[in-house]
């Protein structure tokens, strides 16, 4: 049975991604272009989102893989994932990401001229950051494709033997409120032992912490939904406990960062607080959405299809708007609201009138081609 709360979570988290990337324009953290005034305090709510946003997306993707394999063979799954992930990635690298690099080069004084002067003569010269070729925010797609293909044999085994003894033992863990916290043990080792030596690059090659860490969350998503109703009953019943754990975990994380300078002992403690915090929020959010959002609706059906093109388009629109706002003497709120509204509106206009209705364009943005009605319009 389809879990509509997973669809809602996917839509919500990708929606928050737009707010997060708009925020990157204003905070001290590295981003492609920056506002002329930096607002350091905005990083605190962004830090809160940053702890669980990407891990939750990979958990959701793992759960989606379970549903996909329920109606596809292994080869059908490979074909479907390759089409839905690899084709949009190539389209993004060729057409969606180059404007981002163009505006960045213009802002930094490394290029002058129109975009047509830049593309394709300069757009694919060298690899970013020294060159211009990049997948930028679309890094999620190759990582997800690699995880899907690499873990497929394990997933097929789990689908074939749903009553395997070790899976039944796992169900016992998921049936207790704090048994689910055993899942943070591998996450702690990745955070404590890999993260300091492999900073995040999103370049796939050599990005070992992100590869191992996000692959674990992806696997967890498939594993948890494989346990059946025990998992959902547990997180629905104890969602408030997980919420309290998340509040405590985030408070401890902020406390240790504010009170102690970075050192090896502090890093090992902080790593524990971090994985405890993010896992608590993942369980809490899944629990609350399972109670209140596990039902179909027309807005959900529309948003669930639109979210993929929105993800592909949004950062290019953010950077384009930001480039023309960055040096204006406006305060924070007008710029923020214009960027948020402009990004959602621009993404929707392109999706609704240039992607959704066109059979030849839909696969380029990861959408399936629907059957035509007799009047020629898409169903």
Protein backbone atom coordinates (compact mmCIF):
# COMPACT_ATOMS: atom_id res chain seq x y z
CA UNK A 1 0.00 0.00 0.00
CA UNK A 2 1.31 3.43 -0.93
CA UNK A 3 2.49 5.60 1.96
CA UNK A 4 1.20 9.08 1.18
CA UNK A 5 3.08 10.54 4.15
CA UNK A 6 6.35 9.61 2.43
CA UNK A 7 5.23 11.57 -0.63
CA UNK A 8 4.33 14.53 1.58
CA UNK A 9 7.69 14.38 3.33
CA UNK A 10 9.47 14.34 -0.02
CA UNK A 11 7.55 17.42 -1.17
CA UNK A 12 8.09 19.24 2.12
CA UNK A 13 11.82 18.53 2.30
CA UNK A 14 12.43 19.61 -1.30
CA UNK A 15 10.37 22.73 -0.59
CA UNK A 16 12.60 23.48 2.39
CA UNK A 17 15.58 23.05 0.07
CA UNK A 18 14.52 26.20 -1.78
CA UNK A 19 14.44 28.19 1.47
CA UNK A 20 17.80 26.69 2.46
CA UNK A 21 19.52 27.63 -0.80
CA UNK A 22 18.06 31.13 -0.67
CA UNK A 23 19.48 31.37 2.84
CA UNK A 24 22.92 30.41 1.55
CA UNK A 25 22.94 33.75 -0.30
CA UNK A 26 22.92 35.59 3.06
CA UNK A 27 25.06 33.53 5.48
CA UNK A 28 28.87 33.30 5.93
CA UNK A 29 29.01 29.76 4.49
CA UNK A 30 30.41 29.28 1.01
CA UNK A 31 27.99 29.70 -1.89
CA UNK A 32 28.25 30.59 -5.56
CA UNK A 33 27.25 34.23 -5.11
CA UNK A 34 26.77 36.25 -1.92
CA UNK A 35 24.71 39.23 -0.84
CA UNK A 36 26.55 42.50 -0.21
CA UNK A 37 25.56 42.21 3.48
CA UNK A 38 26.01 38.95 5.39
CA UNK A 39 23.59 37.99 8.18
CA UNK A 40 25.37 35.45 10.43
CA UNK A 41 22.40 34.72 12.72
CA UNK A 42 20.44 33.11 9.88
CA UNK A 43 22.81 30.16 10.02
CA UNK A 44 21.17 28.80 13.20
CA UNK A 45 17.81 27.79 11.67
CA UNK A 46 19.72 26.65 8.59
CA UNK A 47 21.95 24.50 10.79
CA UNK A 48 18.83 22.91 12.25
CA UNK A 49 17.58 21.98 8.77
CA UNK A 50 21.01 20.92 7.62
CA UNK A 51 21.29 18.22 10.28
CA UNK A 52 18.45 16.01 9.00
CA UNK A 53 17.39 17.37 5.57
CA UNK A 54 19.70 15.32 3.32
CA UNK A 55 19.69 12.16 5.49
CA UNK A 56 15.89 12.20 5.45
CA UNK A 57 15.86 12.54 1.64
CA UNK A 58 18.03 9.46 1.26
CA UNK A 59 15.86 7.51 3.72
CA UNK A 60 12.79 8.51 1.68
CA UNK A 61 14.59 7.46 -1.52
CA UNK A 62 15.35 4.07 0.01
CA UNK A 63 11.70 3.63 0.89
CA UNK A 64 10.70 4.66 -2.62
CA UNK A 65 13.05 1.99 -3.97
CA UNK A 66 11.16 -0.65 -1.97
CA UNK A 67 7.90 0.40 -3.64
CA UNK A 68 9.56 0.56 -7.09
CA UNK A 69 10.89 -2.99 -6.79
CA UNK A 70 7.47 -4.28 -5.73
CA UNK A 71 6.27 -3.91 -9.33
CA UNK A 72 9.50 -4.23 -11.34
CA UNK A 73 12.14 -6.85 -12.01
CA UNK A 74 15.78 -6.03 -11.35
CA UNK A 75 16.44 -5.18 -15.02
CA UNK A 76 13.30 -3.06 -15.25
CA UNK A 77 14.41 -1.19 -12.14
CA UNK A 78 17.89 -0.54 -13.62
CA UNK A 79 16.33 0.80 -16.81
CA UNK A 80 13.84 2.99 -14.95
CA UNK A 81 16.44 4.45 -12.58
CA UNK A 82 18.90 5.11 -15.38
CA UNK A 83 16.29 6.97 -17.43
CA UNK A 84 14.89 8.96 -14.51
CA UNK A 85 18.24 9.91 -12.96
CA UNK A 86 20.91 9.88 -15.68
CA UNK A 87 18.98 11.74 -18.42
CA UNK A 88 17.99 14.70 -16.16
CA UNK A 89 21.57 14.81 -14.88
CA UNK A 90 22.96 15.19 -18.41
CA UNK A 91 20.31 17.77 -19.28
CA UNK A 92 21.14 19.64 -16.09
CA UNK A 93 24.88 19.64 -16.77
CA UNK A 94 24.36 20.89 -20.33
CA UNK A 95 21.61 23.48 -19.82
CA UNK A 96 20.57 24.08 -16.20
CA UNK A 97 23.87 24.42 -14.34
CA UNK A 98 25.82 26.57 -16.87
CA UNK A 99 23.78 29.74 -16.07
CA UNK A 100 24.73 29.30 -12.41
CA UNK A 101 28.43 29.20 -13.21
CA UNK A 102 27.99 32.06 -15.67
CA UNK A 103 26.50 34.37 -13.03
CA UNK A 104 29.17 33.32 -10.54
CA UNK A 105 31.93 34.13 -13.02
CA UNK A 106 30.28 37.46 -13.81
CA UNK A 107 29.98 38.30 -10.10
CA UNK A 108 33.65 37.45 -9.50
CA UNK A 109 34.87 39.35 -12.53
CA UNK A 110 36.13 36.24 -14.29
CA UNK A 111 33.93 36.67 -17.35
CA UNK A 112 32.30 39.52 -19.24
CA UNK A 113 29.70 39.23 -21.94
CA UNK A 114 26.31 37.70 -22.60
CA UNK A 115 25.33 34.15 -21.71
CA UNK A 116 25.41 33.21 -25.39
CA UNK A 117 29.04 34.37 -25.45
CA UNK A 118 29.68 32.06 -22.48
CA UNK A 119 27.74 28.97 -23.67
CA UNK A 120 29.00 26.71 -25.10
CA UNK A 121 32.45 28.23 -25.69
CA UNK A 122 33.37 28.57 -22.01
CA UNK A 123 30.68 26.55 -20.20
CA UNK A 124 32.44 23.19 -20.55
CA UNK A 125 36.06 24.32 -20.30
CA UNK A 126 37.68 22.49 -17.39
CA UNK A 127 36.11 21.04 -14.26
CA UNK A 128 34.65 23.26 -11.55
CA UNK A 129 35.84 25.04 -9.41
CA UNK A 130 38.93 25.79 -11.50
CA UNK A 131 36.97 25.23 -14.71
CA UNK A 132 33.28 25.59 -15.48
CA UNK A 133 31.89 22.07 -16.00
CA UNK A 134 29.85 20.96 -13.00
CA UNK A 135 26.69 19.27 -11.78
CA UNK A 136 26.40 21.68 -8.80
CA UNK A 137 23.20 21.01 -6.83
CA UNK A 138 22.34 18.00 -9.03
CA UNK A 139 24.98 15.90 -7.22
CA UNK A 140 22.08 14.10 -5.51
CA UNK A 141 21.22 12.34 -8.80
CA UNK A 142 24.51 10.49 -9.49
CA UNK A 143 24.81 9.52 -5.82
CA UNK A 144 21.29 8.11 -5.84
CA UNK A 145 21.95 6.25 -9.10
CA UNK A 146 25.16 4.71 -7.75
CA UNK A 147 23.44 3.65 -4.51
CA UNK A 148 20.49 2.18 -6.40
CA UNK A 149 22.64 0.07 -8.71
CA UNK A 150 25.19 -0.98 -6.10
CA UNK A 151 22.67 -2.06 -3.48
CA UNK A 152 20.23 -3.65 -5.91
CA UNK A 153 21.40 -7.27 -5.26
CA UNK A 154 20.83 -6.75 -1.52
CA UNK A 155 17.43 -5.21 -2.13
CA UNK A 156 16.36 -8.06 -4.40
CA UNK A 157 17.42 -10.55 -1.72
CA UNK A 158 15.36 -8.72 0.91
CA UNK A 159 12.33 -8.61 -1.39
CA UNK A 160 12.67 -12.34 -2.12
CA UNK A 161 13.02 -13.40 1.53
CA UNK A 162 10.83 -11.04 3.58
CA UNK A 163 10.67 -13.58 6.44
CA UNK A 164 14.42 -14.13 6.74
CA UNK A 165 15.45 -14.81 10.34
CA UNK A 166 17.63 -11.71 10.71
CA UNK A 167 14.86 -9.53 9.24
CA UNK A 168 12.45 -10.93 11.82
CA UNK A 169 14.96 -10.05 14.54
CA UNK A 170 15.14 -6.56 13.11
CA UNK A 171 11.36 -6.29 13.39
CA UNK A 172 11.71 -6.83 17.13
CA UNK A 173 14.02 -3.82 17.34
CA UNK A 174 11.64 -1.64 15.34
CA UNK A 175 8.76 -2.68 17.58
CA UNK A 176 10.33 -0.97 20.64
CA UNK A 177 10.54 2.83 20.92
CA UNK A 178 14.27 3.02 21.53
CA UNK A 179 15.28 -0.09 19.62
CA UNK A 180 15.35 2.14 16.54
CA UNK A 181 18.27 4.06 18.03
CA UNK A 182 20.57 1.11 17.39
CA UNK A 183 20.61 2.40 13.83
CA UNK A 184 22.79 5.32 14.87
CA UNK A 185 25.75 3.07 15.76
CA UNK A 186 27.15 2.82 12.19
CA UNK A 187 26.29 6.48 11.62
CA UNK A 188 28.37 7.42 14.64
CA UNK A 189 31.43 5.59 13.33
CA UNK A 190 31.12 7.27 9.91
CA UNK A 191 30.75 10.67 11.56
CA UNK A 192 33.56 10.15 14.04
CA UNK A 193 36.12 8.34 11.88
CA UNK A 194 35.45 9.33 8.27
CA UNK A 195 34.09 12.89 8.30
CA UNK A 196 37.30 14.58 9.61
CA UNK A 197 39.41 13.03 6.83
CA UNK A 198 37.01 13.32 3.88
CA UNK A 199 35.37 16.77 3.76
CA UNK A 200 32.23 17.01 1.68
CA UNK A 201 32.90 17.68 -2.02
CA UNK A 202 29.84 16.15 -3.78
CA UNK A 203 32.27 15.15 -6.52
CA UNK A 204 31.48 11.41 -6.16
CA UNK A 205 35.10 10.36 -6.63
CA UNK A 206 36.92 10.50 -3.30
CA UNK A 207 33.90 11.83 -1.41
CA UNK A 208 34.06 8.85 0.91
CA UNK A 209 32.24 10.19 3.94
CA UNK A 210 29.21 11.30 1.94
CA UNK A 211 29.21 8.09 -0.08
CA UNK A 212 29.27 5.81 2.95
CA UNK A 213 27.03 7.99 5.11
CA UNK A 214 24.28 8.66 2.56
CA UNK A 215 24.37 5.08 1.27
CA UNK A 216 23.68 3.98 4.86
CA UNK A 217 20.62 6.23 5.10
CA UNK A 218 19.43 5.00 1.70
CA UNK A 219 19.80 1.39 2.87
CA UNK A 220 18.05 2.21 6.15
CA UNK A 221 15.03 3.51 4.23
CA UNK A 222 14.66 0.25 2.34
CA UNK A 223 15.33 -1.80 5.45
CA UNK A 224 12.84 0.01 7.69
CA UNK A 225 9.97 -0.22 5.25
CA UNK A 226 10.81 -3.90 4.71
CA UNK A 227 9.93 -4.58 8.34
CA UNK A 228 6.29 -3.74 7.61
CA UNK A 229 3.75 -2.29 10.00
CA UNK A 230 5.84 -2.71 13.14
CA UNK A 231 8.00 0.28 12.20
CA UNK A 232 5.05 2.53 11.41
CA UNK A 233 3.18 1.58 14.57
CA UNK A 234 6.24 2.34 16.67
CA UNK A 235 7.03 5.78 15.23
CA UNK A 236 3.38 6.83 15.29
CA UNK A 237 2.93 5.80 18.92
CA UNK A 238 6.21 7.29 20.14
CA UNK A 239 6.56 10.28 17.83
CA UNK A 240 6.45 12.70 20.76
CA UNK A 241 9.36 10.92 22.47
CA UNK A 242 11.40 11.28 19.29
CA UNK A 243 10.48 14.97 19.12
CA UNK A 244 11.77 15.49 22.67
CA UNK A 245 14.93 13.57 21.81
CA UNK A 246 15.43 15.82 18.78
CA UNK A 247 15.03 18.98 20.85
CA UNK A 248 17.51 17.70 23.43
CA UNK A 249 19.93 16.50 20.75
CA UNK A 250 19.94 19.81 18.89
CA UNK A 251 20.39 21.71 22.16
CA UNK A 252 23.38 19.55 23.08
CA UNK A 253 24.84 20.02 19.61
CA UNK A 254 24.55 23.80 19.83
CA UNK A 255 25.93 23.76 23.36
CA UNK A 256 29.07 21.83 22.58
CA UNK A 257 29.78 23.99 19.54
CA UNK A 258 29.31 27.18 21.54
CA UNK A 259 31.26 26.17 24.63
CA UNK A 260 34.21 24.14 23.35
CA UNK A 261 36.84 24.62 20.71
CA UNK A 262 37.31 21.88 18.16
CA UNK A 263 39.54 19.03 19.31
CA UNK A 264 39.66 15.25 18.95
CA UNK A 265 37.75 14.49 22.21
CA UNK A 266 35.18 17.19 21.44
CA UNK A 267 34.76 15.83 17.91
CA UNK A 268 33.91 12.34 19.19
CA UNK A 269 31.29 13.73 21.58
CA UNK A 270 29.87 16.10 18.98
CA UNK A 271 29.58 13.23 16.50
CA UNK A 272 27.38 11.34 18.98
CA UNK A 273 25.14 14.37 19.57
CA UNK A 274 24.88 14.95 15.82
CA UNK A 275 23.72 11.45 14.83
CA UNK A 276 21.40 11.21 17.85
CA UNK A 277 19.87 14.56 16.91
CA UNK A 278 19.35 13.89 13.20
CA UNK A 279 17.98 10.37 13.71
CA UNK A 280 15.54 11.64 16.34
CA UNK A 281 14.19 14.25 13.93
CA UNK A 282 13.87 11.71 11.12
CA UNK A 283 11.84 9.38 13.34
CA UNK A 284 9.74 12.22 14.72
CA UNK A 285 8.94 13.72 11.30
CA UNK A 286 8.03 10.31 9.90
CA UNK A 287 5.85 9.60 12.92
CA UNK A 288 3.91 12.86 12.76
CA UNK A 289 3.40 12.73 9.01
CA UNK A 290 2.27 9.09 9.26
CA UNK A 291 -0.46 10.20 11.67
CA UNK A 292 -1.61 13.40 9.96
CA UNK A 293 -0.59 13.21 6.30
CA UNK A 294 -1.01 9.60 5.22
CA UNK A 295 -3.90 10.25 2.86
CA UNK A 296 -4.18 11.04 -0.85
CA UNK A 297 -5.16 14.44 -2.19
CA UNK A 298 -5.15 16.34 -5.47
CA UNK A 299 -2.56 18.90 -4.23
CA UNK A 300 -0.26 16.05 -3.19
CA UNK A 301 -0.58 14.34 -6.58
CA UNK A 302 0.30 17.58 -8.35
CA UNK A 303 3.16 18.52 -6.00
CA UNK A 304 4.62 15.01 -5.98
CA UNK A 305 5.14 15.18 -9.74
CA UNK A 306 6.27 18.81 -9.76
CA UNK A 307 8.89 18.39 -7.05
CA UNK A 308 11.52 16.78 -9.32
CA UNK A 309 11.51 19.56 -11.96
CA UNK A 310 11.42 22.13 -9.12
CA UNK A 311 14.54 20.54 -7.66
CA UNK A 312 16.32 20.63 -11.01
CA UNK A 313 15.39 24.26 -11.76
CA UNK A 314 15.38 26.05 -8.43
CA UNK A 315 19.05 26.84 -7.81
CA UNK A 316 19.55 28.33 -11.26
CA UNK A 317 16.63 30.68 -10.64
CA UNK A 318 17.93 31.56 -7.16
CA UNK A 319 21.36 32.50 -8.48
CA UNK A 320 19.93 34.43 -11.44
CA UNK A 321 17.72 36.53 -9.14
CA UNK A 322 20.47 36.88 -6.55
CA UNK A 323 22.92 38.21 -9.13
CA UNK A 324 20.68 41.20 -9.82
CA UNK A 325 19.92 41.77 -6.12
CA UNK A 326 23.33 41.23 -4.55
CA UNK A 327 24.60 44.82 -4.78
CA UNK A 328 21.31 46.63 -4.16
CA UNK A 329 21.06 48.62 -0.93
CA UNK A 330 17.99 46.77 0.28
CA UNK A 331 17.63 45.20 3.69
CA UNK A 332 17.25 41.50 4.35
CA UNK A 333 13.50 40.90 4.11
CA UNK A 334 12.75 42.42 0.67
CA UNK A 335 15.58 40.45 -0.88
CA UNK A 336 14.64 37.23 0.90
CA UNK A 337 10.95 37.46 -0.01
CA UNK A 338 11.65 38.37 -3.62
CA UNK A 339 14.09 35.46 -4.00
CA UNK A 340 11.75 32.93 -2.37
CA UNK A 341 8.66 34.07 -4.27
CA UNK A 342 10.59 34.45 -7.52
CA UNK A 343 12.09 30.96 -7.22
CA UNK A 344 8.78 29.22 -6.51
CA UNK A 345 6.94 31.25 -9.17
CA UNK A 346 9.66 30.80 -11.79
CA UNK A 347 9.93 27.07 -11.14
CA UNK A 348 6.16 26.67 -11.35
CA UNK A 349 5.82 28.64 -14.59
CA UNK A 350 8.54 26.60 -16.29
CA UNK A 351 7.13 23.33 -14.95
CA UNK A 352 3.51 24.05 -15.79
CA UNK A 353 3.93 25.54 -19.26
CA UNK A 354 7.27 24.23 -20.56
CA UNK A 355 7.63 20.76 -18.98
CA UNK A 356 4.43 19.20 -17.67
CA UNK A 357 2.38 19.45 -20.86
CA UNK A 358 5.02 18.32 -23.36
CA UNK A 359 5.66 14.62 -23.98
CA UNK A 360 9.14 15.16 -25.41
CA UNK A 361 10.25 17.41 -22.54
CA UNK A 362 8.92 15.40 -19.59
CA UNK A 363 11.62 12.65 -19.63
CA UNK A 364 14.35 15.29 -19.69
CA UNK A 365 13.22 16.32 -16.21
CA UNK A 366 12.65 12.82 -14.85
CA UNK A 367 8.91 12.62 -15.48
CA UNK A 368 7.13 9.67 -17.03
CA UNK A 369 5.32 10.10 -20.35
CA UNK A 370 1.60 9.75 -19.83
CA UNK A 371 -0.87 8.29 -22.29
CA UNK A 372 -2.76 10.68 -24.52
CA UNK A 373 -6.48 11.13 -24.42
CA UNK A 374 -8.50 11.25 -27.60
CA UNK A 375 -8.36 15.06 -27.69
CA UNK A 376 -4.58 14.90 -27.77
CA UNK A 377 -3.97 16.35 -24.32
CA UNK A 378 -1.97 14.53 -21.66
CA UNK A 379 -3.95 12.60 -19.11
